[in-house]
Amino acid sequence: MADLIRIYEENPNQKDIKKVVDVLRNGGLIIYPTDTVYGLGCDITNTQALERIAQIKGVKLDKANFSFICEDLSNLSDYVKQIDTQTFKILKRSLPGPYTFILPGNNNLPSVFKKKKTVGIRVPNNNICKAIVSQLGNPIVSTSIRDEDEVIEYTTDPELILEKWDKLVDIVIDGGYGDNIPSTVIDLTTSTPEVIRQGKGSIEIM
């Protein structure tokens, strides 16, 4: 049974954030708000938790396209190869914001992702996300929670999310109604940026 925890984005309660972080450190899964849709996440360093998410999503972990949720751009060098000035400028003017950037991964990726040449980086403009990652001390691996109804696509009400995910995760954070438009995904691994998915973020940033 998952706990439903109400956290206010304007001023996240640090005791509640600590409770979430403790669950993540113990291999738990959380559903949490971002600046786009609600996400399903776990501690990037916990292989068992990563396996749980892959199982839920019905994918093999080493082939899964999960995003890394970072607090800011200072986390980049942990998992991303050195990038050129043009790429850094795009990141700098877009983040935090509703984007997922595909970047070249380096040799420090967690062992389960060693075969991957690229990594999706997210820095959501959401204080709850930032507080969790900051207190955890490393990124969380994340994937959006799609709705089975293709017309709805994404569930926005935390209480409905709890009903559906109650037995699959450990915590559902109620950060208010979510958006139903996902992040814009842009591939920055080649000389010309490529839009993989047009979402909430404007592509004018390039």
Protein backbone atom coordinates (compact mmCIF):
# COMPACT_ATOMS: atom_id res chain seq x y z
CA MET A 1 0.00 0.00 0.00
CA ALA A 2 1.44 3.35 -1.05
CA ASP A 3 1.47 6.42 1.17
CA LEU A 4 -0.07 9.60 -0.25
CA ILE A 5 1.95 12.61 0.89
CA ARG A 6 0.80 16.16 0.19
CA ILE A 7 3.76 18.45 -0.54
CA TYR A 8 3.38 22.07 -1.58
CA GLU A 9 5.62 23.19 -4.40
CA GLU A 10 5.92 26.78 -3.16
CA ASN A 11 7.60 25.64 0.06
CA PRO A 12 8.22 21.87 0.27
CA ASN A 13 8.15 20.57 3.84
CA GLN A 14 11.63 19.23 4.58
CA LYS A 15 10.32 16.47 6.89
CA ASP A 16 8.15 15.16 4.06
CA ILE A 17 11.05 15.42 1.61
CA LYS A 18 13.23 13.44 4.05
CA LYS A 19 10.56 10.73 4.27
CA VAL A 20 10.54 10.46 0.45
CA VAL A 21 14.35 10.38 0.29
CA ASP A 22 14.52 7.66 2.98
CA VAL A 23 12.13 5.52 0.91
CA LEU A 24 14.25 6.09 -2.22
CA ARG A 25 17.45 5.14 -0.38
CA ASN A 26 15.79 1.92 0.77
CA GLY A 27 14.96 0.92 -2.81
CA GLY A 28 11.43 2.33 -2.90
CA LEU A 29 9.54 3.73 -5.88
CA ILE A 30 7.81 7.09 -5.88
CA ILE A 31 5.37 8.91 -8.13
CA TYR A 32 6.02 12.62 -8.04
CA PRO A 33 5.09 15.86 -9.82
CA THR A 34 7.32 17.59 -12.36
CA ASP A 35 6.83 20.70 -14.47
CA THR A 36 5.03 18.46 -16.98
CA VAL A 37 3.39 15.10 -16.22
CA TYR A 38 3.68 12.98 -13.08
CA GLY A 39 6.71 10.70 -13.08
CA LEU A 40 7.64 7.30 -11.67
CA GLY A 41 11.11 7.37 -10.13
CA CYS A 42 13.74 5.66 -8.01
CA ASP A 43 17.30 6.18 -6.77
CA ILE A 44 19.71 5.92 -9.72
CA THR A 45 22.15 3.92 -7.57
CA ASN A 46 19.68 1.19 -6.54
CA THR A 47 19.66 -1.66 -9.08
CA GLN A 48 16.74 -3.51 -7.46
CA ALA A 49 14.56 -0.41 -7.66
CA LEU A 50 15.57 0.10 -11.30
CA GLU A 51 14.58 -3.50 -12.02
CA ARG A 52 11.17 -2.88 -10.42
CA ILE A 53 10.52 0.12 -12.68
CA ALA A 54 11.63 -1.80 -15.79
CA GLN A 55 9.30 -4.66 -14.83
CA ILE A 56 6.37 -2.29 -14.34
CA LYS A 57 7.04 -0.68 -17.73
CA GLY A 58 7.50 -4.09 -19.39
CA VAL A 59 11.00 -3.38 -20.72
CA LYS A 60 14.48 -4.83 -20.26
CA LEU A 61 16.46 -2.60 -17.92
CA ASP A 62 19.57 -2.36 -20.11
CA LYS A 63 17.42 -1.23 -23.05
CA ALA A 64 15.10 1.12 -21.13
CA ASN A 65 15.02 4.80 -22.10
CA PHE A 66 14.66 6.35 -18.67
CA SER A 67 15.49 9.98 -17.89
CA PHE A 68 17.88 11.15 -15.19
CA ILE A 69 16.27 13.85 -13.06
CA CYS A 70 18.99 16.26 -11.92
CA GLU A 71 18.85 19.22 -9.55
CA ASP A 72 20.81 21.45 -11.94
CA LEU A 73 23.49 21.33 -14.62
CA SER A 74 26.25 20.61 -12.06
CA ASN A 75 25.22 16.91 -12.21
CA LEU A 76 25.94 16.74 -15.94
CA SER A 77 29.62 15.81 -15.78
CA ASP A 78 28.74 12.82 -13.55
CA TYR A 79 27.07 10.98 -16.44
CA VAL A 80 27.63 12.96 -19.63
CA LYS A 81 30.71 13.25 -21.84
CA GLN A 82 32.21 16.69 -22.26
CA ILE A 83 29.89 18.81 -24.40
CA ASP A 84 30.66 21.71 -26.70
CA THR A 85 29.84 25.36 -26.02
CA GLN A 86 26.82 25.46 -28.35
CA THR A 87 25.23 22.47 -26.61
CA PHE A 88 25.89 23.95 -23.17
CA LYS A 89 24.26 27.24 -24.23
CA ILE A 90 21.09 25.40 -25.29
CA LEU A 91 20.97 23.59 -21.94
CA LYS A 92 21.70 26.78 -20.00
CA ARG A 93 18.86 28.75 -21.57
CA SER A 94 16.35 25.88 -21.39
CA LEU A 95 16.86 24.42 -17.93
CA PRO A 96 15.23 24.16 -15.53
CA GLY A 97 12.30 23.59 -17.85
CA PRO A 98 10.01 21.10 -19.62
CA TYR A 99 12.70 19.42 -21.71
CA THR A 100 14.48 16.07 -21.91
CA PHE A 101 17.85 16.37 -23.61
CA ILE A 102 19.53 13.30 -25.12
CA LEU A 103 23.26 13.61 -24.47
CA PRO A 104 26.29 11.32 -24.92
CA GLY A 105 26.79 9.17 -21.82
CA ASN A 106 30.19 8.68 -20.19
CA ASN A 107 31.83 5.76 -18.37
CA ASN A 108 30.34 6.72 -14.99
CA LEU A 109 26.83 5.56 -15.88
CA PRO A 110 25.40 3.04 -13.38
CA SER A 111 26.50 -0.51 -14.27
CA VAL A 112 23.04 -1.48 -15.59
CA PHE A 113 23.29 1.30 -18.21
CA LYS A 114 26.91 0.66 -19.24
CA LYS A 115 25.89 -0.46 -22.73
CA LYS A 116 24.00 2.76 -23.42
CA LYS A 117 25.76 5.41 -25.47
CA THR A 118 23.28 8.17 -24.63
CA VAL A 119 21.38 9.43 -21.60
CA GLY A 120 18.23 11.55 -21.23
CA ILE A 121 18.73 14.47 -18.83
CA ARG A 122 15.85 16.37 -17.17
CA VAL A 123 16.03 19.37 -14.84
CA PRO A 124 12.34 20.06 -14.13
CA ASN A 125 11.27 23.52 -13.02
CA ASN A 126 9.58 22.12 -9.91
CA ASN A 127 10.69 22.75 -6.33
CA ILE A 128 9.52 19.31 -5.11
CA CYS A 129 11.76 17.54 -7.65
CA LYS A 130 14.68 19.80 -6.85
CA ALA A 131 14.32 19.29 -3.08
CA ILE A 132 14.18 15.47 -3.44
CA VAL A 133 17.25 15.25 -5.69
CA SER A 134 19.15 17.78 -3.56
CA GLN A 135 18.57 15.84 -0.33
CA LEU A 136 19.16 12.47 -2.00
CA GLY A 137 22.54 13.67 -3.31
CA ASN A 138 22.26 12.08 -6.75
CA PRO A 139 19.77 11.99 -9.64
CA ILE A 140 16.65 9.85 -9.70
CA VAL A 141 15.82 7.70 -12.69
CA SER A 142 12.42 8.53 -14.06
CA THR A 143 9.76 7.64 -16.58
CA SER A 144 6.36 9.26 -17.14
CA ILE A 145 3.23 7.44 -16.00
CA ARG A 146 1.02 7.01 -19.02
CA ASP A 147 -2.68 6.34 -18.76
CA GLU A 148 -4.08 3.20 -20.36
CA ASP A 149 -6.78 5.35 -21.93
CA GLU A 150 -5.07 6.78 -25.01
CA VAL A 151 -7.53 9.65 -25.14
CA ILE A 152 -6.45 10.85 -21.68
CA GLU A 153 -2.80 9.82 -22.17
CA TYR A 154 -1.61 11.08 -18.76
CA THR A 155 -3.38 11.00 -15.40
CA THR A 156 -3.28 14.40 -13.70
CA ASP A 157 -5.15 13.80 -10.41
CA PRO A 158 -2.90 12.44 -7.59
CA GLU A 159 -5.80 10.60 -5.93
CA LEU A 160 -6.63 8.75 -9.15
CA ILE A 161 -2.92 8.00 -9.56
CA LEU A 162 -2.90 6.51 -6.05
CA GLU A 163 -5.91 4.30 -6.88
CA LYS A 164 -4.14 2.84 -9.90
CA TRP A 165 -0.58 2.60 -8.53
CA ASP A 166 -1.33 1.79 -4.89
CA LYS A 167 0.17 -1.71 -4.98
CA LEU A 168 3.07 -0.92 -7.33
CA VAL A 169 4.84 1.97 -5.62
CA ASP A 170 5.70 3.08 -2.09
CA ILE A 171 4.82 6.78 -2.16
CA VAL A 172 2.58 8.97 -4.30
CA ILE A 173 3.33 12.65 -3.81
CA ASP A 174 0.33 14.92 -4.16
CA GLY A 175 1.81 18.11 -5.55
CA GLY A 176 -1.49 19.30 -6.99
CA TYR A 177 -2.93 18.56 -10.41
CA GLY A 178 -0.28 17.62 -12.98
CA ASP A 179 -0.03 18.62 -16.60
CA ASN A 180 -1.03 16.22 -19.39
CA ILE A 181 1.58 17.39 -21.88
CA PRO A 182 4.99 15.65 -21.58
CA SER A 183 8.42 17.23 -21.93
CA THR A 184 9.88 18.12 -25.31
CA VAL A 185 12.63 15.62 -26.16
CA ILE A 186 15.64 16.97 -28.08
CA ASP A 187 18.63 14.92 -29.23
CA LEU A 188 21.87 16.89 -28.83
CA THR A 189 24.28 14.06 -29.66
CA THR A 190 24.94 15.25 -33.21
CA SER A 191 25.97 18.58 -34.70
CA THR A 192 22.35 19.48 -35.50
CA PRO A 193 19.80 19.27 -32.65
CA GLU A 194 16.91 16.94 -33.50
CA VAL A 195 13.44 17.17 -31.98
CA ILE A 196 12.38 13.62 -31.06
CA ARG A 197 9.09 14.64 -29.44
CA GLN A 198 7.34 18.01 -29.42
CA GLY A 199 5.93 18.49 -25.95
CA LYS A 200 5.43 21.34 -23.51
CA GLY A 201 8.79 23.01 -24.13
CA SER A 202 9.10 25.37 -27.11
CA ILE A 203 11.53 24.30 -29.83
CA GLU A 204 12.43 27.97 -30.41
CA ILE A 205 15.28 27.56 -27.89
CA MET A 206 17.52 26.24 -30.69
